[in-house]
C-alpha atoms as a PDB file:
ATOM      1  CA  UNK A   1     115.840 108.239  87.248  1.00  0.00           C
ATOM      2  CA  UNK A   2     114.350 104.985  88.378  1.00  0.00           C
ATOM      3  CA  UNK A   3     111.294 103.422  86.763  1.00  0.00           C
ATOM      4  CA  UNK A   4     110.463 101.876  90.170  1.00  0.00           C
ATOM      5  CA  UNK A   5     109.063 105.119  91.633  1.00  0.00           C
ATOM      6  CA  UNK A   6     105.665 106.345  90.456  1.00  0.00           C
ATOM      7  CA  UNK A   7     106.635 109.952  91.278  1.00  0.00           C
ATOM      8  CA  UNK A   8     109.273 109.869  88.479  1.00  0.00           C
ATOM      9  CA  UNK A   9     106.716 108.966  85.800  1.00  0.00           C
ATOM     10  CA  UNK A  10     104.032 111.148  84.227  1.00  0.00           C
ATOM     11  CA  UNK A  11     101.845 111.154  81.116  1.00  0.00           C
ATOM     12  CA  UNK A  12     103.779 112.279  78.026  1.00  0.00           C
ATOM     13  CA  UNK A  13     107.150 111.014  79.288  1.00  0.00           C
ATOM     14  CA  UNK A  14     109.381 109.066  76.876  1.00  0.00           C
ATOM     15  CA  UNK A  15     110.287 105.694  78.410  1.00  0.00           C
ATOM     16  CA  UNK A  16     111.506 102.201  77.582  1.00  0.00           C
ATOM     17  CA  UNK A  17     109.380  99.349  78.911  1.00  0.00           C
ATOM     18  CA  UNK A  18     109.633  95.576  79.008  1.00  0.00           C
ATOM     19  CA  UNK A  19     106.501  93.841  77.719  1.00  0.00           C
ATOM     20  CA  UNK A  20     105.097  90.757  79.476  1.00  0.00           C
ATOM     21  CA  UNK A  21     106.175  88.461  76.624  1.00  0.00           C
ATOM     22  CA  UNK A  22     109.685  90.006  76.614  1.00  0.00           C
ATOM     23  CA  UNK A  23     110.386  89.622  80.352  1.00  0.00           C
ATOM     24  CA  UNK A  24     112.655  86.585  79.840  1.00  0.00           C
ATOM     25  CA  UNK A  25     114.735  88.198  77.090  1.00  0.00           C
ATOM     26  CA  UNK A  26     114.659  91.689  78.601  1.00  0.00           C
ATOM     27  CA  UNK A  27     113.900  93.278  75.195  1.00  0.00           C
ATOM     28  CA  UNK A  28     112.910  96.923  75.641  1.00  0.00           C
ATOM     29  CA  UNK A  29     110.147  98.775  73.780  1.00  0.00           C
ATOM     30  CA  UNK A  30     110.293 102.572  73.460  1.00  0.00           C
ATOM     31  CA  UNK A  31     107.316 104.894  73.592  1.00  0.00           C
ATOM     32  CA  UNK A  32     105.415 107.692  75.290  1.00  0.00           C
ATOM     33  CA  UNK A  33     103.356 107.140  78.454  1.00  0.00           C
ATOM     34  CA  UNK A  34      99.602 107.411  77.865  1.00  0.00           C
ATOM     35  CA  UNK A  35      98.420 106.134  81.268  1.00  0.00           C
ATOM     36  CA  UNK A  36     100.004 104.965  84.543  1.00  0.00           C
ATOM     37  CA  UNK A  37      98.464 101.644  85.572  1.00  0.00           C
ATOM     38  CA  UNK A  38     100.250 100.968  88.894  1.00  0.00           C
ATOM     39  CA  UNK A  39      98.557 102.633  91.875  1.00  0.00           C
ATOM     40  CA  UNK A  40     101.232 102.023  94.523  1.00  0.00           C
ATOM     41  CA  UNK A  41     104.032 104.614  94.924  1.00  0.00           C
ATOM     42  CA  UNK A  42     106.779 102.044  94.165  1.00  0.00           C
ATOM     43  CA  UNK A  43     107.129  98.632  92.538  1.00  0.00           C
ATOM     44  CA  UNK A  44     110.294  96.466  92.574  1.00  0.00           C
ATOM     45  CA  UNK A  45     109.952  95.449  88.895  1.00  0.00           C
ATOM     46  CA  UNK A  46     108.953  98.878  87.576  1.00  0.00           C
ATOM     47  CA  UNK A  47     105.771 100.912  87.346  1.00  0.00           C
ATOM     48  CA  UNK A  48     103.268  99.468  84.844  1.00  0.00           C
ATOM     49  CA  UNK A  49     102.207 101.896  82.109  1.00  0.00           C
ATOM     50  CA  UNK A  50     100.296 101.947  78.826  1.00  0.00           C
ATOM     51  CA  UNK A  51     102.075 103.601  75.910  1.00  0.00           C
ATOM     52  CA  UNK A  52     100.363 105.691  73.214  1.00  0.00           C
ATOM     53  CA  UNK A  53     100.836 102.659  70.907  1.00  0.00           C
ATOM     54  CA  UNK A  54      98.667 100.565  73.268  1.00  0.00           C
ATOM     55  CA  UNK A  55     101.578  98.454  74.548  1.00  0.00           C
ATOM     56  CA  UNK A  56     101.502  97.706  78.289  1.00  0.00           C
ATOM     57  CA  UNK A  57     104.626  96.971  80.315  1.00  0.00           C
ATOM     58  CA  UNK A  58     106.860  97.946  83.191  1.00  0.00           C
ATOM     59  CA  UNK A  59     109.154 100.986  82.980  1.00  0.00           C
ATOM     60  CA  UNK A  60     112.841 100.050  82.926  1.00  0.00           C
ATOM     61  CA  UNK A  61     114.403 103.237  81.513  1.00  0.00           C
ATOM     62  CA  UNK A  62     113.267 106.860  81.595  1.00  0.00           C
ATOM     63  CA  UNK A  63     114.586 108.593  78.462  1.00  0.00           C
ATOM     64  CA  UNK A  64     115.742 112.120  79.255  1.00  0.00           C
END
């Protein structure tokens, strides 16, 4: 599933995000979605979320 569509993401979902400071390297951070921060239904770089750890970034991978 794509992290570009808000409909694919919900609270409690395990995802991998790229943090703002890791955008150049592409390093992914794993965690569980606490809150969805992007309001639009899609975003070309991924939907922005806050993880339960407090990290904020854009969803790149949805872990099934």
